[in-house]
Structure formats: structure tokens, C-alpha cells
């Protein structure tokens, strides 16, 4: 699926552009090129935890032909423990993702939401995943209703036209 491939590549490039500037205050930097080092002292083109988790979702769906939350969670745990899907090993993992992969369930507190789930679940817009399945995949790390609403709204605007509609991701 060229559109899915392009989506994942675009995500990885955008993520890699931002990695050197992570944790810096808004307005304190200017990103005009793919550069290295910065916040994590990584080579130019290195992507973060969110992009590393995206191919885990893609591989699970490709291999099984369906959404399997336990399989996806297992791939996330392998990424966390062994550096699967990374360029040179795990270096960046959000506090929420780290905690939930250790305890086995998503958190629901006010500060337990984030954009990571939005980034990694975008490829599900290219599948036949239902809203409930997308929420279940998102809930591996981010259970918040606020984040789920943002994800459904974003997919409605940006998802592939053939998959926009009732009962579909973003429907």
C-alpha cells in the first residue's frame, strides 16, 4: 500500500527532524534541516519511540491480518526491552509508555495522555479497524478519552477517503 508506506515514511522523517529538539521550550530553536545530536546526542535521521512503535503495529496487522491488541502489546514490550524497531537501540521512551509497558495496562490520570498514541496509531486509518479497535490499541499506552477524541477527529480529516465513515477509524 503506497499511501501507508508514504504515511509511515513521512512520520519517521518528521519525527527525526524533531528528535534533536525534544524537551526544549517552544520558540527556543529553529529546525531548518535534518541535523543530529541535540537533546539526545543522536545521529541525524534518528527517530523516537513513537515512530519505533508504529512498525510494530504495522507488522502485527500485516502478519495476522487483523487487530490483535495482545500481539501489538507484546511487540511494544520487545521494543522496550530489546530495542526492536529502533535505529541504534532504545534511547527515548515517554514516562507513560515506560510505566504502562512495565505494569501491563494504560493509565487514566489527567497527566497520562500524550501525542505518542496519535502518532503511532495513524497507520490504522489504512485498515478496516473499528473505532473500538483503535481505542484498544491506543489504550495499550494512553487510555484517556481526551486523546481518543483527538485521534478519531484527526483520522476523520486525514484518513484515506475509502476508510472514512461510520464504524471505521475516524468515522
N, C-alpha and C. Protein backbone atom coordinates (compact mmCIF):
# COMPACT_ATOMS: atom_id res chain seq x y z
N UNK A 1 0.83 -1.17 0.00
CA UNK A 1 0.00 0.00 0.00
C UNK A 1 0.89 1.25 0.00
N UNK A 2 1.07 1.86 -1.16
CA UNK A 2 1.95 3.04 -1.22
C UNK A 2 1.54 4.16 -0.27
N UNK A 3 0.25 4.41 -0.10
CA UNK A 3 -0.18 5.50 0.79
C UNK A 3 0.24 5.22 2.23
N UNK A 4 0.11 3.98 2.69
CA UNK A 4 0.53 3.62 4.04
C UNK A 4 2.03 3.79 4.16
N UNK A 5 2.77 3.28 3.19
CA UNK A 5 4.23 3.41 3.22
C UNK A 5 4.62 4.88 3.30
N UNK A 6 4.00 5.70 2.45
CA UNK A 6 4.30 7.13 2.45
C UNK A 6 3.97 7.77 3.79
N UNK A 7 2.87 7.35 4.40
CA UNK A 7 2.47 7.87 5.71
C UNK A 7 3.53 7.53 6.76
N UNK A 8 3.97 6.28 6.78
CA UNK A 8 4.95 5.85 7.77
C UNK A 8 6.29 6.54 7.52
N UNK A 9 6.71 6.63 6.26
CA UNK A 9 7.96 7.33 5.96
C UNK A 9 7.88 8.80 6.37
N UNK A 10 6.75 9.43 6.05
CA UNK A 10 6.57 10.84 6.43
C UNK A 10 6.62 11.03 7.93
N UNK A 11 6.01 10.11 8.66
CA UNK A 11 6.04 10.18 10.12
C UNK A 11 7.47 10.04 10.62
N UNK A 12 8.21 9.08 10.08
CA UNK A 12 9.59 8.86 10.53
C UNK A 12 10.47 10.07 10.25
N UNK A 13 10.31 10.67 9.07
CA UNK A 13 11.10 11.86 8.73
C UNK A 13 10.75 13.02 9.65
N UNK A 14 9.45 13.27 9.83
CA UNK A 14 9.03 14.38 10.70
C UNK A 14 9.51 14.15 12.13
N UNK A 15 9.42 12.92 12.61
CA UNK A 15 9.88 12.60 13.95
C UNK A 15 11.39 12.83 14.06
N UNK A 16 12.14 12.36 13.07
CA UNK A 16 13.60 12.53 13.09
C UNK A 16 14.00 14.00 13.04
N UNK A 17 13.22 14.82 12.34
CA UNK A 17 13.50 16.25 12.34
C UNK A 17 13.37 16.84 13.74
N UNK A 18 12.44 16.31 14.52
CA UNK A 18 12.18 16.85 15.85
C UNK A 18 13.03 16.29 16.97
N UNK A 19 13.61 15.09 16.78
CA UNK A 19 14.36 14.45 17.87
C UNK A 19 15.44 15.35 18.46
N UNK A 20 16.24 16.06 17.66
CA UNK A 20 17.29 16.89 18.27
C UNK A 20 16.75 18.02 19.15
N UNK A 21 15.47 18.34 19.00
CA UNK A 21 14.89 19.47 19.71
C UNK A 21 13.93 19.06 20.82
N UNK A 22 13.76 17.75 21.06
CA UNK A 22 12.86 17.30 22.10
C UNK A 22 13.25 17.90 23.44
N UNK A 23 12.26 18.18 24.23
CA UNK A 23 12.40 18.70 25.59
C UNK A 23 12.84 20.15 25.65
N UNK A 24 12.98 20.79 24.51
CA UNK A 24 13.36 22.20 24.50
C UNK A 24 12.10 23.06 24.48
N UNK A 25 12.15 24.22 25.10
CA UNK A 25 10.97 25.10 25.11
C UNK A 25 10.60 25.57 23.71
N UNK A 26 9.31 25.66 23.47
CA UNK A 26 8.80 26.18 22.20
C UNK A 26 9.43 27.54 21.94
N UNK A 27 9.84 27.76 20.70
CA UNK A 27 10.43 29.03 20.30
C UNK A 27 11.91 29.16 20.61
N UNK A 28 12.52 28.14 21.23
CA UNK A 28 13.93 28.23 21.59
C UNK A 28 14.85 27.60 20.55
N UNK A 29 14.29 27.15 19.44
CA UNK A 29 15.10 26.52 18.41
C UNK A 29 14.46 26.76 17.05
N UNK A 30 15.22 26.49 16.00
CA UNK A 30 14.71 26.57 14.64
C UNK A 30 15.18 25.32 13.91
N UNK A 31 14.24 24.57 13.41
CA UNK A 31 14.56 23.36 12.65
C UNK A 31 14.45 23.68 11.16
N UNK A 32 15.58 23.70 10.48
CA UNK A 32 15.59 24.02 9.05
C UNK A 32 16.22 22.91 8.23
N UNK A 33 16.67 21.84 8.88
CA UNK A 33 17.35 20.77 8.16
C UNK A 33 17.40 19.54 9.07
N UNK A 34 17.72 18.40 8.50
CA UNK A 34 17.91 17.18 9.28
C UNK A 34 19.28 17.28 9.94
N UNK A 35 19.28 17.42 11.26
CA UNK A 35 20.53 17.56 11.99
C UNK A 35 20.61 16.47 13.05
N UNK A 36 21.78 16.29 13.57
CA UNK A 36 21.99 15.29 14.60
C UNK A 36 22.29 15.91 15.95
N UNK A 37 22.53 15.02 16.90
CA UNK A 37 22.93 15.36 18.26
C UNK A 37 21.79 16.04 19.01
N UNK A 38 21.90 17.24 19.47
CA UNK A 38 20.81 17.90 20.17
C UNK A 38 20.46 17.21 21.48
N UNK A 39 19.17 17.17 21.79
CA UNK A 39 18.68 16.71 23.09
C UNK A 39 19.17 15.31 23.48
N UNK A 40 19.27 14.41 22.51
CA UNK A 40 19.62 13.02 22.83
C UNK A 40 20.98 12.61 22.29
N UNK A 41 21.70 13.55 21.67
CA UNK A 41 23.02 13.27 21.09
C UNK A 41 22.98 12.08 20.13
N UNK A 42 22.02 12.11 19.20
CA UNK A 42 21.85 11.04 18.22
C UNK A 42 22.20 11.54 16.83
N UNK A 43 22.52 10.61 15.95
CA UNK A 43 22.84 10.95 14.56
C UNK A 43 21.62 11.53 13.85
N UNK A 44 21.86 12.35 12.87
CA UNK A 44 20.78 12.91 12.05
C UNK A 44 19.97 11.75 11.47
N UNK A 45 18.65 11.88 11.48
CA UNK A 45 17.77 10.86 10.93
C UNK A 45 17.27 9.85 11.94
N UNK A 46 17.70 9.96 13.18
CA UNK A 46 17.25 9.03 14.22
C UNK A 46 15.84 9.41 14.66
N UNK A 47 14.93 8.42 14.63
CA UNK A 47 13.55 8.70 15.06
C UNK A 47 13.38 8.30 16.52
N UNK A 48 12.23 8.69 17.08
CA UNK A 48 11.98 8.48 18.52
C UNK A 48 11.15 7.24 18.78
N UNK A 49 10.73 7.12 20.03
CA UNK A 49 9.93 5.98 20.48
C UNK A 49 8.63 5.84 19.70
N UNK A 50 7.99 6.93 19.37
CA UNK A 50 6.68 6.84 18.72
C UNK A 50 6.79 6.23 17.33
N UNK A 51 7.80 6.62 16.58
CA UNK A 51 7.99 6.02 15.26
C UNK A 51 8.42 4.56 15.40
N UNK A 52 9.21 4.22 16.40
CA UNK A 52 9.62 2.83 16.58
C UNK A 52 8.43 1.92 16.86
N UNK A 53 7.40 2.45 17.51
CA UNK A 53 6.23 1.64 17.83
C UNK A 53 5.27 1.50 16.64
N UNK A 54 5.37 2.40 15.67
CA UNK A 54 4.50 2.35 14.50
C UNK A 54 4.70 1.07 13.68
N UNK A 55 5.93 0.70 13.32
CA UNK A 55 6.09 -0.55 12.56
C UNK A 55 5.69 -1.79 13.36
N UNK A 56 5.71 -1.70 14.68
CA UNK A 56 5.23 -2.82 15.48
C UNK A 56 3.74 -3.06 15.20
N UNK A 57 2.97 -1.97 15.14
CA UNK A 57 1.54 -2.09 14.80
C UNK A 57 1.39 -2.60 13.38
N UNK A 58 2.16 -2.04 12.45
CA UNK A 58 2.07 -2.46 11.04
C UNK A 58 2.43 -3.93 10.88
N UNK A 59 3.50 -4.37 11.52
CA UNK A 59 3.91 -5.78 11.40
C UNK A 59 2.85 -6.71 11.97
N UNK A 60 2.28 -6.36 13.10
CA UNK A 60 1.24 -7.20 13.68
C UNK A 60 0.07 -7.35 12.72
N UNK A 61 -0.41 -6.24 12.18
CA UNK A 61 -1.56 -6.30 11.26
C UNK A 61 -1.19 -7.06 9.99
N UNK A 62 0.01 -6.81 9.46
CA UNK A 62 0.44 -7.50 8.23
C UNK A 62 0.53 -9.00 8.45
N UNK A 63 1.07 -9.42 9.57
CA UNK A 63 1.26 -10.84 9.83
C UNK A 63 -0.04 -11.55 10.21
N UNK A 64 -0.91 -10.89 10.95
CA UNK A 64 -2.13 -11.54 11.44
C UNK A 64 -3.37 -11.21 10.61
N UNK A 65 -3.33 -10.10 9.87
CA UNK A 65 -4.48 -9.70 9.07
C UNK A 65 -5.64 -9.14 9.87
N UNK A 66 -5.37 -8.77 11.11
CA UNK A 66 -6.41 -8.23 11.99
C UNK A 66 -5.74 -7.50 13.13
N UNK A 67 -6.54 -6.77 13.89
CA UNK A 67 -6.04 -6.09 15.08
C UNK A 67 -5.99 -7.09 16.23
N UNK A 68 -4.82 -7.26 16.81
CA UNK A 68 -4.64 -8.13 17.97
C UNK A 68 -3.87 -7.34 19.02
N UNK A 69 -4.59 -6.80 19.98
CA UNK A 69 -4.01 -5.92 20.98
C UNK A 69 -2.90 -6.62 21.77
N UNK A 70 -3.09 -7.88 22.11
CA UNK A 70 -2.07 -8.59 22.87
C UNK A 70 -0.78 -8.76 22.06
N UNK A 71 -0.92 -9.04 20.77
CA UNK A 71 0.26 -9.17 19.91
C UNK A 71 0.98 -7.82 19.80
N UNK A 72 0.22 -6.74 19.60
CA UNK A 72 0.82 -5.41 19.50
C UNK A 72 1.51 -5.05 20.80
N UNK A 73 0.84 -5.30 21.93
CA UNK A 73 1.45 -5.03 23.24
C UNK A 73 2.76 -5.81 23.38
N UNK A 74 2.76 -7.06 22.97
CA UNK A 74 3.99 -7.87 23.04
C UNK A 74 5.11 -7.29 22.20
N UNK A 75 4.79 -6.75 21.05
CA UNK A 75 5.79 -6.11 20.20
C UNK A 75 6.31 -4.83 20.85
N UNK A 76 5.42 -4.08 21.50
CA UNK A 76 5.85 -2.89 22.21
C UNK A 76 6.81 -3.26 23.35
N UNK A 77 6.51 -4.34 24.06
CA UNK A 77 7.37 -4.78 25.16
C UNK A 77 8.74 -5.20 24.60
N UNK A 78 8.76 -5.93 23.46
CA UNK A 78 10.05 -6.31 22.86
C UNK A 78 10.83 -5.08 22.42
N UNK A 79 10.13 -4.07 21.92
CA UNK A 79 10.80 -2.82 21.56
C UNK A 79 11.42 -2.21 22.81
N UNK A 80 10.67 -2.17 23.90
CA UNK A 80 11.14 -1.56 25.14
C UNK A 80 12.31 -2.34 25.75
N UNK A 81 12.24 -3.63 25.70
CA UNK A 81 13.27 -4.45 26.37
C UNK A 81 14.49 -4.74 25.50
N UNK A 82 14.27 -4.86 24.18
CA UNK A 82 15.37 -5.30 23.30
C UNK A 82 15.71 -4.30 22.20
N UNK A 83 14.99 -3.19 22.14
CA UNK A 83 15.30 -2.19 21.12
C UNK A 83 14.81 -2.53 19.73
N UNK A 84 13.83 -3.44 19.63
CA UNK A 84 13.26 -3.77 18.32
C UNK A 84 12.71 -2.51 17.67
N UNK A 85 12.84 -2.40 16.37
CA UNK A 85 12.33 -1.28 15.57
C UNK A 85 13.06 0.03 15.81
N UNK A 86 14.23 0.00 16.42
CA UNK A 86 14.99 1.22 16.63
C UNK A 86 16.18 1.27 15.68
N UNK A 87 16.78 2.43 15.56
CA UNK A 87 17.97 2.58 14.71
C UNK A 87 19.20 2.05 15.43
N UNK A 88 19.38 2.45 16.67
CA UNK A 88 20.56 2.01 17.42
C UNK A 88 20.24 1.75 18.88
N UNK A 89 19.09 1.15 19.12
CA UNK A 89 18.69 0.85 20.49
C UNK A 89 17.78 1.90 21.08
N UNK A 90 17.10 1.50 22.12
CA UNK A 90 16.13 2.38 22.79
C UNK A 90 16.86 3.52 23.49
N UNK A 91 16.44 4.74 23.21
CA UNK A 91 17.02 5.89 23.89
C UNK A 91 15.96 6.85 24.40
N UNK A 92 14.76 6.73 23.90
CA UNK A 92 13.73 7.72 24.21
C UNK A 92 12.40 7.00 24.38
N UNK A 93 11.91 7.03 25.58
CA UNK A 93 10.59 6.45 25.83
C UNK A 93 9.88 7.39 26.80
N UNK A 94 8.65 7.72 26.46
CA UNK A 94 7.87 8.60 27.34
C UNK A 94 7.61 7.93 28.68
N UNK A 95 7.44 8.75 29.69
CA UNK A 95 7.19 8.22 31.04
C UNK A 95 5.95 7.35 31.09
N UNK A 96 4.89 7.77 30.40
CA UNK A 96 3.66 6.99 30.41
C UNK A 96 3.89 5.64 29.75
N UNK A 97 4.50 5.64 28.56
CA UNK A 97 4.74 4.38 27.85
C UNK A 97 5.61 3.44 28.69
N UNK A 98 6.66 3.95 29.29
CA UNK A 98 7.54 3.12 30.12
C UNK A 98 6.76 2.48 31.26
N UNK A 99 5.96 3.26 31.94
CA UNK A 99 5.20 2.76 33.08
C UNK A 99 4.20 1.70 32.66
N UNK A 100 3.44 1.96 31.61
CA UNK A 100 2.39 1.02 31.24
C UNK A 100 2.94 -0.27 30.66
N UNK A 101 4.07 -0.21 29.97
CA UNK A 101 4.64 -1.44 29.44
C UNK A 101 5.19 -2.30 30.57
N UNK A 102 5.58 -1.68 31.66
CA UNK A 102 6.03 -2.43 32.83
C UNK A 102 4.87 -3.01 33.62
N UNK A 103 3.76 -2.24 33.72
CA UNK A 103 2.63 -2.70 34.55
C UNK A 103 1.56 -3.44 33.74
N UNK A 104 1.58 -3.30 32.40
CA UNK A 104 0.68 -4.08 31.57
C UNK A 104 -0.67 -3.47 31.27
N UNK A 105 -0.87 -2.20 31.64
CA UNK A 105 -2.15 -1.57 31.32
C UNK A 105 -1.97 -0.06 31.23
N UNK A 106 -2.79 0.56 30.39
CA UNK A 106 -2.74 2.00 30.21
C UNK A 106 -3.16 2.75 31.46
N UNK A 107 -2.70 3.98 31.59
CA UNK A 107 -3.03 4.81 32.73
C UNK A 107 -4.15 5.77 32.37
N UNK A 108 -4.87 6.24 33.37
CA UNK A 108 -6.04 7.08 33.12
C UNK A 108 -5.98 8.44 33.79
N UNK A 109 -4.86 8.79 34.39
CA UNK A 109 -4.77 10.06 35.10
C UNK A 109 -4.74 11.26 34.17
N UNK A 110 -4.96 12.43 34.75
CA UNK A 110 -5.01 13.68 33.99
C UNK A 110 -3.73 13.92 33.20
N UNK A 111 -2.58 13.53 33.71
CA UNK A 111 -1.29 13.77 33.06
C UNK A 111 -0.77 12.55 32.33
N UNK A 112 -1.61 11.55 32.10
CA UNK A 112 -1.18 10.31 31.47
C UNK A 112 -1.53 10.24 29.99
N UNK A 113 -1.88 11.35 29.39
CA UNK A 113 -2.20 11.39 27.97
C UNK A 113 -1.04 12.04 27.24
N UNK A 114 -0.98 11.86 25.95
CA UNK A 114 0.08 12.47 25.17
C UNK A 114 -0.15 12.26 23.69
N UNK A 115 0.74 12.80 22.88
CA UNK A 115 0.57 12.69 21.44
C UNK A 115 1.16 11.41 20.87
N UNK A 116 1.87 10.63 21.66
CA UNK A 116 2.50 9.42 21.16
C UNK A 116 1.52 8.45 20.54
N UNK A 117 0.40 8.25 21.18
CA UNK A 117 -0.59 7.33 20.65
C UNK A 117 -1.16 7.84 19.33
N UNK A 118 -1.34 9.14 19.23
CA UNK A 118 -1.79 9.74 17.97
C UNK A 118 -0.81 9.40 16.86
N UNK A 119 0.47 9.56 17.13
CA UNK A 119 1.47 9.31 16.10
C UNK A 119 1.48 7.84 15.68
N UNK A 120 1.50 6.95 16.64
CA UNK A 120 1.71 5.55 16.27
C UNK A 120 0.47 4.85 15.73
N UNK A 121 -0.73 5.37 15.98
CA UNK A 121 -1.93 4.69 15.50
C UNK A 121 -2.41 5.18 14.13
N UNK A 122 -1.77 6.19 13.56
CA UNK A 122 -2.20 6.70 12.26
C UNK A 122 -2.29 5.60 11.19
N UNK A 123 -1.37 4.63 11.12
CA UNK A 123 -1.50 3.59 10.09
C UNK A 123 -2.80 2.78 10.18
N UNK A 124 -3.44 2.78 11.34
CA UNK A 124 -4.70 2.04 11.45
C UNK A 124 -5.79 2.66 10.59
N UNK A 125 -5.62 3.90 10.16
CA UNK A 125 -6.58 4.53 9.26
C UNK A 125 -6.58 3.84 7.90
N UNK A 126 -5.56 3.06 7.61
CA UNK A 126 -5.45 2.36 6.33
C UNK A 126 -5.94 0.92 6.43
N UNK A 127 -6.51 0.56 7.56
CA UNK A 127 -7.02 -0.79 7.77
C UNK A 127 -8.53 -0.74 7.95
N UNK A 128 -9.10 -1.89 8.22
CA UNK A 128 -10.54 -1.95 8.49
C UNK A 128 -10.83 -1.88 9.99
N UNK A 129 -9.88 -1.35 10.76
CA UNK A 129 -10.04 -1.27 12.20
C UNK A 129 -11.24 -0.40 12.57
N UNK A 130 -12.01 -0.88 13.52
CA UNK A 130 -13.14 -0.10 14.03
C UNK A 130 -12.64 0.91 15.05
N UNK A 131 -13.50 1.85 15.41
CA UNK A 131 -13.15 2.82 16.45
C UNK A 131 -12.77 2.11 17.75
N UNK A 132 -13.51 1.08 18.11
CA UNK A 132 -13.21 0.34 19.35
C UNK A 132 -11.83 -0.31 19.28
N UNK A 133 -11.48 -0.85 18.13
CA UNK A 133 -10.15 -1.47 17.99
C UNK A 133 -9.04 -0.43 18.07
N UNK A 134 -9.26 0.72 17.44
CA UNK A 134 -8.26 1.79 17.52
C UNK A 134 -8.11 2.26 18.96
N UNK A 135 -9.22 2.43 19.66
CA UNK A 135 -9.15 2.82 21.07
C UNK A 135 -8.40 1.77 21.88
N UNK A 136 -8.63 0.49 21.59
CA UNK A 136 -7.96 -0.58 22.33
C UNK A 136 -6.45 -0.56 22.08
N UNK A 137 -6.04 -0.32 20.85
CA UNK A 137 -4.61 -0.23 20.55
C UNK A 137 -4.03 1.01 21.24
N UNK A 138 -4.73 2.12 21.15
CA UNK A 138 -4.28 3.35 21.81
C UNK A 138 -4.17 3.13 23.32
N UNK A 139 -5.11 2.40 23.89
CA UNK A 139 -5.16 2.19 25.33
C UNK A 139 -4.03 1.32 25.86
N UNK A 140 -3.28 0.69 24.98
CA UNK A 140 -2.10 -0.04 25.45
C UNK A 140 -1.22 0.93 26.25
N UNK A 141 -1.14 2.16 25.78
CA UNK A 141 -0.32 3.15 26.48
C UNK A 141 -1.10 4.38 26.95
N UNK A 142 -2.19 4.76 26.25
CA UNK A 142 -2.90 6.00 26.56
C UNK A 142 -4.40 5.74 26.58
N UNK A 143 -4.98 5.69 27.77
CA UNK A 143 -6.40 5.35 27.92
C UNK A 143 -7.30 6.57 27.86
N UNK A 144 -6.79 7.74 28.07
CA UNK A 144 -7.59 8.96 28.20
C UNK A 144 -8.61 9.15 27.09
N UNK A 145 -9.83 9.52 27.47
CA UNK A 145 -10.87 9.84 26.50
C UNK A 145 -10.50 11.07 25.68
N UNK A 146 -9.79 12.01 26.27
CA UNK A 146 -9.39 13.21 25.55
C UNK A 146 -8.52 12.84 24.35
N UNK A 147 -7.51 12.01 24.56
CA UNK A 147 -6.64 11.60 23.46
C UNK A 147 -7.39 10.81 22.42
N UNK A 148 -8.30 9.94 22.85
CA UNK A 148 -9.08 9.15 21.90
C UNK A 148 -9.92 10.03 21.02
N UNK A 149 -10.50 11.08 21.58
CA UNK A 149 -11.29 12.00 20.78
C UNK A 149 -10.46 12.72 19.74
N UNK A 150 -9.26 13.11 20.13
CA UNK A 150 -8.37 13.78 19.19
C UNK A 150 -7.99 12.82 18.08
N UNK A 151 -7.70 11.59 18.40
CA UNK A 151 -7.29 10.62 17.37
C UNK A 151 -8.42 10.39 16.37
N UNK A 152 -9.63 10.22 16.84
CA UNK A 152 -10.74 9.99 15.92
C UNK A 152 -10.99 11.21 15.04
N UNK A 153 -10.90 12.39 15.64
CA UNK A 153 -11.10 13.62 14.87
C UNK A 153 -10.01 13.77 13.81
N UNK A 154 -8.76 13.51 14.19
CA UNK A 154 -7.66 13.66 13.24
C UNK A 154 -7.81 12.68 12.08
N UNK A 155 -8.16 11.45 12.36
CA UNK A 155 -8.30 10.46 11.29
C UNK A 155 -9.46 10.83 10.37
N UNK A 156 -10.49 11.42 10.91
CA UNK A 156 -11.64 11.82 10.09
C UNK A 156 -11.19 12.83 9.04
N UNK A 157 -10.28 13.73 9.43
CA UNK A 157 -9.82 14.75 8.50
C UNK A 157 -8.73 14.24 7.57
N UNK A 158 -7.89 13.30 8.03
CA UNK A 158 -6.72 12.93 7.24
C UNK A 158 -6.72 11.51 6.74
N UNK A 159 -7.57 10.65 7.25
CA UNK A 159 -7.56 9.25 6.83
C UNK A 159 -7.93 9.08 5.37
N UNK A 160 -7.63 7.93 4.82
CA UNK A 160 -7.94 7.68 3.42
C UNK A 160 -9.45 7.72 3.18
N UNK A 161 -9.90 8.38 2.10
CA UNK A 161 -11.33 8.57 1.87
C UNK A 161 -12.14 7.28 1.91
N UNK A 162 -11.62 6.18 1.40
CA UNK A 162 -12.37 4.92 1.39
C UNK A 162 -12.60 4.33 2.77
N UNK A 163 -11.86 4.82 3.75
CA UNK A 163 -11.99 4.27 5.09
C UNK A 163 -12.65 5.24 6.05
N UNK A 164 -13.08 6.40 5.55
CA UNK A 164 -13.78 7.36 6.41
C UNK A 164 -15.26 6.99 6.40
N UNK A 165 -15.83 6.84 7.55
CA UNK A 165 -17.25 6.54 7.61
C UNK A 165 -17.64 5.88 8.90
N UNK A 166 -18.94 5.64 9.09
CA UNK A 166 -19.42 5.07 10.34
C UNK A 166 -18.76 3.74 10.65
N UNK A 167 -18.32 3.60 11.89
CA UNK A 167 -17.74 2.34 12.33
C UNK A 167 -16.30 2.15 11.93
N UNK A 168 -15.75 3.05 11.15
CA UNK A 168 -14.35 2.95 10.75
C UNK A 168 -13.52 3.96 11.54
N UNK A 169 -12.23 3.75 11.54
CA UNK A 169 -11.32 4.66 12.23
C UNK A 169 -11.61 6.07 11.74
N UNK A 170 -12.03 6.92 12.64
CA UNK A 170 -12.34 8.29 12.30
C UNK A 170 -13.76 8.49 11.84
N UNK A 171 -14.58 7.44 11.88
CA UNK A 171 -15.94 7.56 11.38
C UNK A 171 -16.88 8.25 12.28
